[in-house]
Protein backbone atom coordinates (compact mmCIF):
# COMPACT_ATOMS: atom_id res chain seq x y z
CA MET A 1 65.20 -26.24 -80.67
CA ASN A 2 62.73 -29.48 -79.89
CA ASN A 3 65.78 -31.45 -79.28
CA ARG A 4 67.10 -28.87 -77.03
CA HIS A 5 64.08 -28.62 -74.95
CA ASP A 6 63.75 -32.41 -74.59
CA GLU A 7 67.30 -32.84 -73.33
CA ILE A 8 66.47 -29.83 -70.58
CA LYS A 9 63.33 -31.61 -69.63
CA ASN A 10 65.38 -35.23 -69.57
CA LEU A 11 67.86 -33.79 -67.49
CA LEU A 12 65.52 -32.29 -65.01
CA THR A 13 63.76 -35.63 -64.57
CA ALA A 14 67.04 -37.24 -64.01
CA SER A 15 67.71 -34.90 -61.48
CA ARG A 16 64.53 -35.31 -59.83
CA ASN A 17 65.01 -38.97 -59.82
CA MET A 18 68.06 -38.63 -58.23
CA LEU A 19 67.32 -36.52 -55.43
CA SER A 20 64.57 -38.75 -54.50
CA ASN A 21 66.26 -41.76 -54.48
CA LYS A 22 69.20 -40.60 -52.98
CA ASN A 23 71.19 -42.04 -55.72
CA SER A 24 75.20 -42.24 -55.18
CA LEU A 25 77.49 -39.79 -56.24
CA TYR A 26 78.80 -41.66 -59.06
CA GLU A 27 75.38 -41.45 -60.93
CA THR A 28 75.44 -37.95 -60.45
CA HIS A 29 78.54 -37.86 -61.91
CA HIS A 30 77.19 -39.80 -64.80
CA ILE A 31 74.06 -38.04 -65.34
CA LYS A 32 76.53 -34.77 -65.69
CA LYS A 33 78.34 -36.10 -68.17
CA GLN A 34 75.92 -37.28 -70.25
CA TYR A 35 74.55 -34.11 -70.70
CA GLY A 36 77.77 -32.36 -70.89
CA ILE A 37 77.63 -30.26 -67.74
CA LEU A 38 80.88 -31.67 -66.13
CA ASN A 39 82.92 -28.68 -64.49
CA GLU A 40 86.31 -28.76 -63.53
CA ASP A 41 85.55 -29.49 -59.63
CA ASP A 42 83.32 -32.66 -60.72
CA SER A 43 85.91 -34.20 -62.91
CA VAL A 44 88.49 -34.13 -60.05
CA THR A 45 88.94 -37.80 -58.51
CA LYS A 46 91.39 -37.52 -55.68
CA LYS A 47 92.67 -34.40 -53.38
CA VAL A 48 95.93 -32.94 -54.70
CA ASN A 49 98.56 -31.88 -52.05
CA VAL A 50 99.84 -28.36 -53.66
CA ALA A 51 102.89 -28.66 -51.46
CA LYS A 52 103.90 -31.61 -52.71
CA SER A 53 103.09 -31.28 -56.63
CA ILE A 54 105.37 -28.02 -55.85
CA GLU A 55 108.29 -29.80 -54.65
CA GLN A 56 108.40 -32.61 -57.12
CA GLN A 57 108.08 -29.68 -59.95
CA PHE A 58 111.23 -28.18 -58.23
CA GLU A 59 112.80 -31.67 -58.42
CA ASP A 60 111.86 -32.49 -62.13
CA ASP A 61 113.28 -28.86 -62.78
CA GLU A 62 116.38 -29.89 -61.15
CA GLU A 63 116.72 -32.97 -62.65
CA ASP A 64 116.19 -31.92 -66.51
CA LEU A 65 119.22 -29.46 -65.45
CA LYS A 66 121.31 -32.46 -64.69
CA ASN A 67 120.51 -34.07 -68.02
CA GLU A 68 120.82 -31.29 -69.54
CA ASP A 69 122.99 -32.00 -72.97
CA GLU A 70 126.55 -30.69 -72.41
CA LYS A 71 128.70 -29.63 -75.33
CA VAL A 72 132.47 -31.48 -75.76
CA GLN A 73 135.79 -29.93 -77.45
CA GLY A 74 138.89 -31.75 -77.96
CA TYR A 75 142.08 -30.68 -78.43
CA ARG A 76 145.17 -32.55 -79.46
CA ILE A 77 148.11 -31.49 -77.60
CA LEU A 78 151.43 -32.93 -78.96
CA ASN A 79 151.13 -36.50 -78.27
CA GLY A 80 148.03 -36.04 -75.68
CA LEU A 81 144.36 -35.78 -75.81
CA MET A 82 142.35 -33.05 -73.76
CA TYR A 83 138.50 -32.60 -73.78
CA VAL A 84 136.71 -29.82 -72.08
CA VAL A 85 133.24 -30.53 -71.19
CA GLY A 86 130.73 -27.29 -70.71
CA LYS A 87 127.39 -26.21 -71.60
CA THR A 88 128.27 -22.80 -73.43
CA ASP A 89 130.68 -22.32 -76.11
CA ALA A 90 133.19 -20.35 -73.93
CA GLU A 91 133.33 -23.02 -70.91
CA LEU A 92 134.56 -24.96 -74.29
CA ILE A 93 138.20 -22.37 -74.72
CA LEU A 94 141.26 -23.45 -73.55
CA THR A 95 143.49 -20.99 -72.35
CA GLU A 96 147.56 -21.23 -73.52
CA ASP A 97 148.27 -21.35 -69.59
CA GLU A 98 145.78 -24.43 -69.57
CA LYS A 99 147.67 -25.83 -72.59
CA THR A 100 150.74 -25.63 -70.85
CA ALA A 101 149.66 -27.19 -67.82
CA PHE A 102 148.66 -30.65 -69.66
CA LYS A 103 151.95 -30.58 -71.29
CA GLU A 104 153.44 -29.71 -68.15
CA SER A 105 151.44 -32.87 -66.67
CA MET A 106 152.82 -35.38 -69.26
CA ASP A 107 156.29 -34.42 -68.99
CA GLU A 108 156.23 -34.40 -65.30
CA PHE A 109 154.69 -38.04 -65.12
CA PHE A 110 157.32 -38.79 -67.29
CA ASN A 111 159.71 -37.85 -64.99
CA GLU A 112 158.61 -38.28 -61.77
CA VAL A 113 156.67 -41.96 -62.32
CA SER A 114 157.32 -43.52 -65.16
CA ASP A 115 157.75 -42.87 -68.95
CA ALA A 116 156.58 -46.44 -70.17
CA VAL A 117 152.79 -44.96 -70.31
CA ASP A 118 150.67 -44.88 -72.46
CA PHE A 119 148.38 -41.27 -71.95
CA ASP A 120 144.28 -41.57 -72.20
CA GLU A 121 142.35 -38.28 -72.52
CA LEU A 122 142.51 -35.93 -69.88
CA ILE A 123 138.70 -34.41 -69.50
CA LEU A 124 138.65 -31.34 -68.09
CA TYR A 125 135.02 -30.73 -66.64
CA PRO A 126 133.95 -27.53 -64.55
CA LYS A 127 134.19 -29.42 -61.23
CA LYS A 128 136.68 -32.10 -61.71
CA VAL A 129 139.37 -33.81 -63.72
CA GLU A 130 139.89 -37.19 -64.95
CA TRP A 131 142.89 -38.60 -66.30
CA SER A 132 143.85 -42.29 -67.04
CA GLY A 133 146.70 -44.07 -68.53
CA PHE A 134 148.42 -47.68 -68.72
CA LEU A 135 151.28 -48.53 -67.00
CA ASN A 136 153.43 -50.87 -69.30
CA THR A 137 155.85 -52.11 -66.73
CA LEU A 138 153.10 -53.17 -64.28
CA GLY A 139 150.62 -54.07 -67.07
CA VAL A 140 147.67 -52.18 -65.07
CA LYS A 141 145.95 -48.90 -65.41
CA PHE A 142 145.68 -45.90 -63.69
CA LYS A 143 142.67 -43.49 -62.79
CA PHE A 144 142.81 -40.01 -61.43
CA ILE A 145 139.77 -38.28 -60.53
CA THR A 146 140.45 -34.60 -58.50
CA ASN A 147 138.88 -34.34 -55.33
CA ASP A 148 138.41 -38.09 -55.25
CA SER A 149 141.43 -40.12 -55.39
CA ALA A 150 143.79 -42.34 -57.88
CA TYR A 151 143.13 -45.67 -58.83
CA LEU A 152 144.74 -48.62 -60.14
CA LEU A 153 142.64 -50.77 -62.55
CA PHE A 154 143.50 -54.32 -62.99
CA GLU A 155 140.64 -55.40 -65.48
CA SER A 156 139.91 -54.03 -69.26
CA ASP A 157 136.87 -54.14 -71.62
CA ASP A 158 139.07 -53.08 -74.28
CA GLU A 159 140.23 -56.35 -76.01
CA GLU A 160 143.56 -54.64 -77.42
CA VAL A 161 145.00 -54.06 -73.77
CA GLN A 162 146.18 -57.00 -72.58
CA ILE A 163 146.24 -56.21 -68.45
CA LYS A 164 147.58 -58.69 -66.42
CA PRO A 165 144.80 -60.56 -64.10
CA MET A 166 147.36 -61.23 -61.53
CA VAL A 167 150.08 -58.49 -60.57
CA LYS A 168 152.89 -59.23 -58.38
CA LEU A 169 153.57 -56.84 -55.30
CA ASP A 170 157.29 -56.56 -55.67
CA GLN A 171 159.41 -53.94 -55.14
CA ASP A 172 159.02 -52.26 -58.47
CA PHE A 173 155.35 -52.25 -58.13
CA LYS A 174 155.52 -50.42 -54.84
CA GLU A 175 157.86 -47.93 -56.49
CA ILE A 176 155.76 -47.02 -58.87
CA THR A 177 152.56 -46.80 -56.85
CA ASP A 178 154.50 -44.73 -54.06
CA LYS A 179 155.03 -42.61 -56.86
CA LEU A 180 152.02 -42.51 -58.30
CA GLY A 181 150.06 -41.53 -55.01
CA ILE A 182 152.89 -38.69 -54.51
CA PHE A 183 152.46 -37.39 -58.16
CA PHE A 184 148.55 -37.37 -57.86
CA GLY A 185 148.83 -35.14 -55.16
CA LYS A 186 150.88 -32.23 -57.03
CA PHE A 187 148.32 -33.50 -60.00
CA GLU A 188 145.19 -32.81 -58.20
CA SER A 189 146.81 -29.09 -56.79
CA LYS A 190 147.55 -28.06 -60.17
CA TRP A 191 144.20 -28.87 -61.84
CA ASN A 192 142.11 -27.41 -58.65
CA GLN A 193 143.79 -24.51 -58.99
CA ILE A 194 142.96 -24.73 -62.95
CA ILE A 195 139.54 -24.87 -62.50
CA ALA A 196 139.36 -22.28 -59.79
CA GLU A 197 140.84 -19.75 -62.39
CA ARG A 198 138.46 -20.50 -65.10
CA LYS A 199 135.53 -19.85 -62.61
CA LYS A 200 136.85 -16.57 -62.09
CA THR A 201 137.62 -16.11 -65.90
CA LYS A 202 135.30 -14.42 -68.15
CA ILE A 203 136.05 -15.35 -71.55
CA PRO A 204 134.10 -13.33 -74.09
CA ILE A 205 131.32 -15.38 -75.84
CA GLU A 206 132.43 -14.07 -79.53
CA ARG A 207 135.97 -16.54 -79.43
CA LYS A 208 134.73 -19.40 -80.50
CA PRO A 209 136.77 -22.52 -79.69
CA LEU A 210 135.72 -24.98 -82.70
CA GLY A 211 136.88 -25.24 -86.07
CA GLY A 212 140.60 -24.64 -87.57
CA LYS A 213 144.17 -25.77 -87.01
CA ASN A 214 147.22 -24.42 -84.62
CA LEU A 215 149.97 -26.66 -85.70
CA GLU A 216 152.71 -24.29 -84.96
CA GLY A 217 151.17 -23.75 -81.30
CA GLY A 218 151.85 -27.62 -80.89
CA TYR A 219 147.80 -28.50 -80.93
CA GLU A 220 144.52 -28.83 -82.77
CA THR A 221 141.14 -28.75 -81.80
CA PHE A 222 137.81 -30.54 -83.33
CA LYS A 223 134.36 -31.09 -82.49
CA VAL A 224 133.72 -33.99 -80.30
């Protein structure tokens, strides 16, 4: 009890001294802190822009959503590899029509562009499709990105793929690249339609895409 009485007495004395000497705000803060009577307002050292804080919170939430982990399901369809990217199991399901579309895209490429090609995986995202491969006759890679463009890659980080540093712009090059450009338009239209159908179709969540093989249908699924 005496200790508490002494603390109050000392606090009153310090307060009188502060007021009589017109000490700084810093001294006031220091005294209150010393005797444990700081409140929430006293601990604020700068003004807070509430509107800016709310705006920043929305930006942070949006960034968190963008960085949210996505799931990937792999499908081996005949000699091709396809990945489906989504945030739910339902989005990872590949329908028979979509498997058929992938087979058709490979066959059409063989027939309409070149059969001397080694395909990489086709990646089906919620809003776009990416597909690439190596054109053996030209020694370059192609890459399709729907709603973007078709690209030729003349360099590679893959030591096993020997891409030519120089490519002769002869008739063969022009013929294949012309076919490539025409085929991309057809490819983009096909897969944009598939993406649109996926958005409209609600696949039951209980249909799990993971596990098991279906070799009779010409494909197998695997977890990535």
